[in-house]
Amino acid sequence: MQERMTGSLWVSRCLSAAALALAIVSPASAEWTKDQRAKFIGACVDRCLSTPSLSDRSKATCPTFCACTADEGEKIMTPADFDAVERASAEGRTTAKGAEWAQRNLSCHTPPSTR
């Protein structure tokens, strides 16, 4: 025999189901703020374009490479993580998240068709 749920039990189960559904369908990324992303990509593209050893053909890929790098960072770092990595970098240090990000960025060096 099926028991009837009381009002509070029903609400509790509905909220639990909603939280589970949200957790399942939510993206796994920790999106940076728009300002963080824009500043990172802008600085990345500037550094990339100013690399004297890059050919003009390679320089043309700088925006794509930098967007890929940002995408990889957003998959593993919250905005607070990003700030911590930036601070550490300015001090000549790295963080565990920064090291992980550097490893993930290796995929950005491959042509998009082979990623």
N, C-alpha and C. Protein backbone atom coordinates (compact mmCIF):
# COMPACT_ATOMS: atom_id res chain seq x y z
N MET A 1 0.82 -1.19 0.00
CA MET A 1 0.00 0.00 0.00
C MET A 1 0.86 1.25 0.00
N GLN A 2 0.45 2.18 -0.79
CA GLN A 2 1.22 3.41 -0.90
C GLN A 2 0.72 4.40 0.15
N GLU A 3 1.69 5.00 0.87
CA GLU A 3 1.32 5.99 1.87
C GLU A 3 1.23 7.36 1.22
N ARG A 4 0.38 8.19 1.77
CA ARG A 4 0.28 9.56 1.29
C ARG A 4 1.37 10.39 1.93
N MET A 5 1.97 11.24 1.13
CA MET A 5 3.02 12.11 1.67
C MET A 5 2.37 13.32 2.32
N THR A 6 2.96 13.74 3.44
CA THR A 6 2.50 14.97 4.08
C THR A 6 3.02 16.14 3.27
N GLY A 7 2.50 17.30 3.50
CA GLY A 7 2.89 18.50 2.77
C GLY A 7 4.38 18.79 2.84
N SER A 8 4.96 18.73 4.05
CA SER A 8 6.38 19.06 4.20
C SER A 8 7.27 18.00 3.57
N LEU A 9 6.87 16.73 3.64
CA LEU A 9 7.65 15.67 3.01
C LEU A 9 7.60 15.82 1.49
N TRP A 10 6.44 16.14 0.96
CA TRP A 10 6.29 16.33 -0.48
C TRP A 10 7.17 17.49 -0.96
N VAL A 11 7.14 18.60 -0.24
CA VAL A 11 7.96 19.77 -0.61
C VAL A 11 9.44 19.40 -0.54
N SER A 12 9.83 18.70 0.51
CA SER A 12 11.22 18.30 0.66
C SER A 12 11.67 17.42 -0.50
N ARG A 13 10.86 16.46 -0.88
CA ARG A 13 11.21 15.58 -2.00
C ARG A 13 11.25 16.33 -3.32
N CYS A 14 10.34 17.25 -3.51
CA CYS A 14 10.34 18.04 -4.75
C CYS A 14 11.61 18.90 -4.84
N LEU A 15 11.97 19.53 -3.72
CA LEU A 15 13.17 20.36 -3.72
C LEU A 15 14.42 19.51 -3.95
N SER A 16 14.46 18.33 -3.36
CA SER A 16 15.60 17.43 -3.57
C SER A 16 15.68 17.01 -5.03
N ALA A 17 14.56 16.68 -5.62
CA ALA A 17 14.54 16.28 -7.03
C ALA A 17 14.97 17.43 -7.93
N ALA A 18 14.50 18.63 -7.62
CA ALA A 18 14.88 19.80 -8.41
C ALA A 18 16.38 20.08 -8.29
N ALA A 19 16.92 19.96 -7.09
CA ALA A 19 18.36 20.19 -6.89
C ALA A 19 19.17 19.14 -7.65
N LEU A 20 18.74 17.90 -7.62
CA LEU A 20 19.43 16.84 -8.35
C LEU A 20 19.37 17.10 -9.85
N ALA A 21 18.22 17.47 -10.35
CA ALA A 21 18.08 17.75 -11.78
C ALA A 21 18.96 18.92 -12.19
N LEU A 22 19.01 19.94 -11.38
CA LEU A 22 19.85 21.10 -11.67
C LEU A 22 21.32 20.71 -11.69
N ALA A 23 21.72 19.90 -10.76
CA ALA A 23 23.12 19.45 -10.70
C ALA A 23 23.48 18.62 -11.92
N ILE A 24 22.55 17.85 -12.40
CA ILE A 24 22.82 16.98 -13.55
C ILE A 24 22.91 17.79 -14.84
N VAL A 25 22.04 18.77 -15.01
CA VAL A 25 22.00 19.51 -16.27
C VAL A 25 22.89 20.75 -16.26
N SER A 26 23.41 21.16 -15.13
CA SER A 26 24.27 22.34 -15.08
C SER A 26 25.60 22.05 -15.75
N PRO A 27 26.14 23.05 -16.45
CA PRO A 27 27.45 22.83 -17.07
C PRO A 27 28.52 22.64 -16.01
N ALA A 28 29.57 21.94 -16.36
CA ALA A 28 30.65 21.65 -15.42
C ALA A 28 31.65 22.79 -15.34
N SER A 29 31.38 23.87 -16.04
CA SER A 29 32.34 24.97 -16.05
C SER A 29 32.11 25.91 -14.88
N ALA A 30 33.11 26.68 -14.60
CA ALA A 30 33.03 27.69 -13.55
C ALA A 30 33.31 29.03 -14.23
N GLU A 31 32.37 29.50 -15.00
CA GLU A 31 32.58 30.66 -15.85
C GLU A 31 33.18 31.83 -15.10
N TRP A 32 34.20 32.42 -15.73
CA TRP A 32 34.81 33.62 -15.20
C TRP A 32 33.87 34.79 -15.44
N THR A 33 34.17 35.90 -14.81
CA THR A 33 33.38 37.09 -15.10
C THR A 33 33.70 37.55 -16.53
N LYS A 34 32.80 38.31 -17.11
CA LYS A 34 33.04 38.83 -18.47
C LYS A 34 34.32 39.65 -18.50
N ASP A 35 34.55 40.43 -17.45
CA ASP A 35 35.75 41.26 -17.38
C ASP A 35 37.02 40.41 -17.32
N GLN A 36 37.00 39.35 -16.51
CA GLN A 36 38.17 38.46 -16.42
C GLN A 36 38.47 37.84 -17.78
N ARG A 37 37.44 37.33 -18.42
CA ARG A 37 37.63 36.67 -19.72
C ARG A 37 38.16 37.67 -20.76
N ALA A 38 37.56 38.84 -20.81
CA ALA A 38 37.98 39.84 -21.80
C ALA A 38 39.42 40.29 -21.56
N LYS A 39 39.77 40.54 -20.29
CA LYS A 39 41.14 40.96 -19.99
C LYS A 39 42.13 39.86 -20.30
N PHE A 40 41.79 38.62 -19.94
CA PHE A 40 42.70 37.51 -20.20
C PHE A 40 42.93 37.36 -21.70
N ILE A 41 41.85 37.29 -22.48
CA ILE A 41 41.99 37.07 -23.92
C ILE A 41 42.74 38.25 -24.56
N GLY A 42 42.42 39.46 -24.15
CA GLY A 42 43.11 40.63 -24.70
C GLY A 42 44.61 40.59 -24.45
N ALA A 43 44.99 40.30 -23.20
CA ALA A 43 46.42 40.23 -22.85
C ALA A 43 47.09 39.05 -23.56
N CYS A 44 46.40 37.93 -23.64
CA CYS A 44 46.94 36.74 -24.31
C CYS A 44 47.20 37.04 -25.79
N VAL A 45 46.24 37.63 -26.46
CA VAL A 45 46.40 37.95 -27.88
C VAL A 45 47.55 38.94 -28.07
N ASP A 46 47.63 39.96 -27.21
CA ASP A 46 48.73 40.93 -27.30
C ASP A 46 50.09 40.25 -27.16
N ARG A 47 50.23 39.35 -26.15
CA ARG A 47 51.49 38.63 -25.95
C ARG A 47 51.80 37.74 -27.15
N CYS A 48 50.79 37.06 -27.63
CA CYS A 48 50.97 36.15 -28.76
C CYS A 48 51.42 36.92 -30.00
N LEU A 49 50.75 38.01 -30.32
CA LEU A 49 51.09 38.79 -31.50
C LEU A 49 52.47 39.44 -31.41
N SER A 50 52.92 39.69 -30.19
CA SER A 50 54.23 40.35 -30.03
C SER A 50 55.39 39.35 -29.96
N THR A 51 55.11 38.07 -30.16
CA THR A 51 56.15 37.06 -30.16
C THR A 51 56.90 37.12 -31.49
N PRO A 52 58.15 37.57 -31.47
CA PRO A 52 58.87 37.79 -32.73
C PRO A 52 59.11 36.52 -33.54
N SER A 53 59.19 35.38 -32.90
CA SER A 53 59.49 34.14 -33.63
C SER A 53 58.28 33.55 -34.33
N LEU A 54 57.09 34.10 -34.12
CA LEU A 54 55.89 33.56 -34.78
C LEU A 54 55.75 34.12 -36.19
N SER A 55 55.41 33.24 -37.11
CA SER A 55 55.15 33.68 -38.49
C SER A 55 53.81 34.41 -38.53
N ASP A 56 53.58 35.12 -39.62
CA ASP A 56 52.30 35.80 -39.78
C ASP A 56 51.15 34.79 -39.78
N ARG A 57 51.38 33.63 -40.36
CA ARG A 57 50.35 32.59 -40.38
C ARG A 57 50.03 32.13 -38.96
N SER A 58 51.06 31.93 -38.14
CA SER A 58 50.85 31.52 -36.76
C SER A 58 50.18 32.64 -35.95
N LYS A 59 50.58 33.88 -36.21
CA LYS A 59 49.97 35.01 -35.50
C LYS A 59 48.47 35.11 -35.79
N ALA A 60 48.07 34.67 -36.96
CA ALA A 60 46.64 34.70 -37.31
C ALA A 60 45.82 33.78 -36.42
N THR A 61 46.48 32.80 -35.80
CA THR A 61 45.76 31.87 -34.93
C THR A 61 45.72 32.33 -33.48
N CYS A 62 46.35 33.44 -33.17
CA CYS A 62 46.41 33.92 -31.77
C CYS A 62 45.03 34.06 -31.12
N PRO A 63 44.06 34.72 -31.76
CA PRO A 63 42.74 34.83 -31.10
C PRO A 63 42.09 33.48 -30.82
N THR A 64 42.21 32.54 -31.74
CA THR A 64 41.63 31.21 -31.54
C THR A 64 42.34 30.49 -30.41
N PHE A 65 43.67 30.55 -30.40
CA PHE A 65 44.44 29.91 -29.34
C PHE A 65 44.06 30.50 -27.98
N CYS A 66 43.97 31.81 -27.89
CA CYS A 66 43.68 32.45 -26.60
C CYS A 66 42.26 32.15 -26.13
N ALA A 67 41.30 32.08 -27.05
CA ALA A 67 39.93 31.72 -26.67
C ALA A 67 39.89 30.27 -26.17
N CYS A 68 40.64 29.39 -26.83
CA CYS A 68 40.71 27.99 -26.39
C CYS A 68 41.31 27.91 -24.99
N THR A 69 42.36 28.66 -24.76
CA THR A 69 43.02 28.68 -23.46
C THR A 69 42.05 29.16 -22.37
N ALA A 70 41.29 30.20 -22.67
CA ALA A 70 40.29 30.69 -21.72
C ALA A 70 39.22 29.63 -21.47
N ASP A 71 38.76 28.98 -22.54
CA ASP A 71 37.75 27.93 -22.40
C ASP A 71 38.25 26.82 -21.48
N GLU A 72 39.50 26.41 -21.66
CA GLU A 72 40.08 25.35 -20.82
C GLU A 72 40.16 25.82 -19.36
N GLY A 73 40.53 27.06 -19.15
CA GLY A 73 40.61 27.59 -17.79
C GLY A 73 39.25 27.64 -17.11
N GLU A 74 38.24 28.03 -17.87
CA GLU A 74 36.90 28.11 -17.29
C GLU A 74 36.35 26.75 -16.91
N LYS A 75 36.86 25.69 -17.51
CA LYS A 75 36.38 24.35 -17.17
C LYS A 75 36.82 23.93 -15.77
N ILE A 76 37.91 24.51 -15.28
CA ILE A 76 38.47 24.05 -14.00
C ILE A 76 38.60 25.12 -12.94
N MET A 77 38.44 26.39 -13.32
CA MET A 77 38.68 27.47 -12.35
C MET A 77 37.48 28.38 -12.18
N THR A 78 37.17 28.65 -10.94
CA THR A 78 36.16 29.65 -10.62
C THR A 78 36.79 31.02 -10.81
N PRO A 79 36.00 32.09 -10.77
CA PRO A 79 36.58 33.42 -10.83
C PRO A 79 37.62 33.66 -9.72
N ALA A 80 37.38 33.14 -8.52
CA ALA A 80 38.34 33.29 -7.42
C ALA A 80 39.63 32.53 -7.71
N ASP A 81 39.50 31.32 -8.29
CA ASP A 81 40.69 30.55 -8.68
C ASP A 81 41.50 31.33 -9.71
N PHE A 82 40.82 31.92 -10.68
CA PHE A 82 41.49 32.69 -11.72
C PHE A 82 42.29 33.83 -11.09
N ASP A 83 41.66 34.56 -10.16
CA ASP A 83 42.36 35.66 -9.49
C ASP A 83 43.59 35.16 -8.74
N ALA A 84 43.48 34.01 -8.08
CA ALA A 84 44.61 33.44 -7.34
C ALA A 84 45.74 33.07 -8.29
N VAL A 85 45.40 32.50 -9.44
CA VAL A 85 46.42 32.14 -10.44
C VAL A 85 47.09 33.41 -10.97
N GLU A 86 46.33 34.44 -11.23
CA GLU A 86 46.89 35.70 -11.71
C GLU A 86 47.83 36.32 -10.68
N ARG A 87 47.42 36.33 -9.41
CA ARG A 87 48.28 36.88 -8.35
C ARG A 87 49.58 36.09 -8.24
N ALA A 88 49.45 34.77 -8.24
CA ALA A 88 50.64 33.92 -8.15
C ALA A 88 51.57 34.17 -9.33
N SER A 89 51.01 34.29 -10.51
CA SER A 89 51.82 34.52 -11.71
C SER A 89 52.56 35.85 -11.62
N ALA A 90 51.89 36.88 -11.12
CA ALA A 90 52.53 38.19 -10.96
C ALA A 90 53.69 38.13 -9.97
N GLU A 91 53.63 37.17 -9.03
CA GLU A 91 54.69 36.99 -8.03
C GLU A 91 55.71 35.95 -8.47
N GLY A 92 55.57 35.44 -9.70
CA GLY A 92 56.50 34.45 -10.20
C GLY A 92 56.28 33.04 -9.65
N ARG A 93 55.07 32.80 -9.14
CA ARG A 93 54.73 31.48 -8.59
C ARG A 93 53.65 30.84 -9.45
N THR A 94 53.38 29.59 -9.15
CA THR A 94 52.24 28.92 -9.78
C THR A 94 51.41 28.27 -8.69
N THR A 95 50.18 27.96 -9.04
CA THR A 95 49.29 27.26 -8.12
C THR A 95 48.96 25.91 -8.73
N ALA A 96 48.35 25.05 -7.95
CA ALA A 96 47.95 23.74 -8.47
C ALA A 96 46.98 23.92 -9.65
N LYS A 97 46.05 24.85 -9.53
CA LYS A 97 45.10 25.10 -10.62
C LYS A 97 45.83 25.65 -11.84
N GLY A 98 46.81 26.51 -11.61
CA GLY A 98 47.59 27.07 -12.71
C GLY A 98 48.36 25.99 -13.45
N ALA A 99 48.93 25.06 -12.72
CA ALA A 99 49.66 23.95 -13.33
C ALA A 99 48.72 23.06 -14.13
N GLU A 100 47.55 22.79 -13.56
CA GLU A 100 46.56 21.97 -14.26
C GLU A 100 46.10 22.66 -15.54
N TRP A 101 45.90 23.97 -15.45
CA TRP A 101 45.48 24.76 -16.60
C TRP A 101 46.54 24.70 -17.70
N ALA A 102 47.79 24.82 -17.32
CA ALA A 102 48.88 24.76 -18.31
C ALA A 102 48.87 23.42 -19.05
N GLN A 103 48.62 22.34 -18.33
CA GLN A 103 48.55 21.02 -18.98
C GLN A 103 47.37 20.94 -19.93
N ARG A 104 46.24 21.48 -19.51
CA ARG A 104 45.04 21.44 -20.36
C ARG A 104 45.22 22.28 -21.61
N ASN A 105 46.03 23.33 -21.52
CA ASN A 105 46.22 24.24 -22.65
C ASN A 105 47.00 23.60 -23.78
N LEU A 106 47.67 22.50 -23.52
CA LEU A 106 48.42 21.83 -24.58
C LEU A 106 47.51 21.44 -25.74
N SER A 107 46.26 21.14 -25.44
CA SER A 107 45.31 20.78 -26.50
C SER A 107 45.01 21.97 -27.40
N CYS A 108 45.22 23.17 -26.92
CA CYS A 108 44.95 24.37 -27.73
C CYS A 108 46.01 24.58 -28.81
N HIS A 109 47.13 23.89 -28.70
CA HIS A 109 48.21 24.01 -29.69
C HIS A 109 47.96 23.14 -30.91
N THR A 110 46.97 22.25 -30.83
CA THR A 110 46.69 21.36 -31.96
C THR A 110 45.63 22.00 -32.85
N PRO A 111 45.67 21.71 -34.14
CA PRO A 111 44.64 22.27 -35.03
C PRO A 111 43.24 21.84 -34.58
N PRO A 112 42.26 22.73 -34.68
CA PRO A 112 40.91 22.40 -34.21
C PRO A 112 40.35 21.12 -34.82
N SER A 113 40.71 20.80 -36.03
CA SER A 113 40.16 19.59 -36.65
C SER A 113 40.64 18.31 -35.99
N THR A 114 41.75 18.39 -35.22
CA THR A 114 42.25 17.18 -34.58
C THR A 114 42.01 17.16 -33.07
N ARG A 115 41.36 18.18 -32.53
CA ARG A 115 41.07 18.24 -31.10
C ARG A 115 39.93 17.34 -30.75
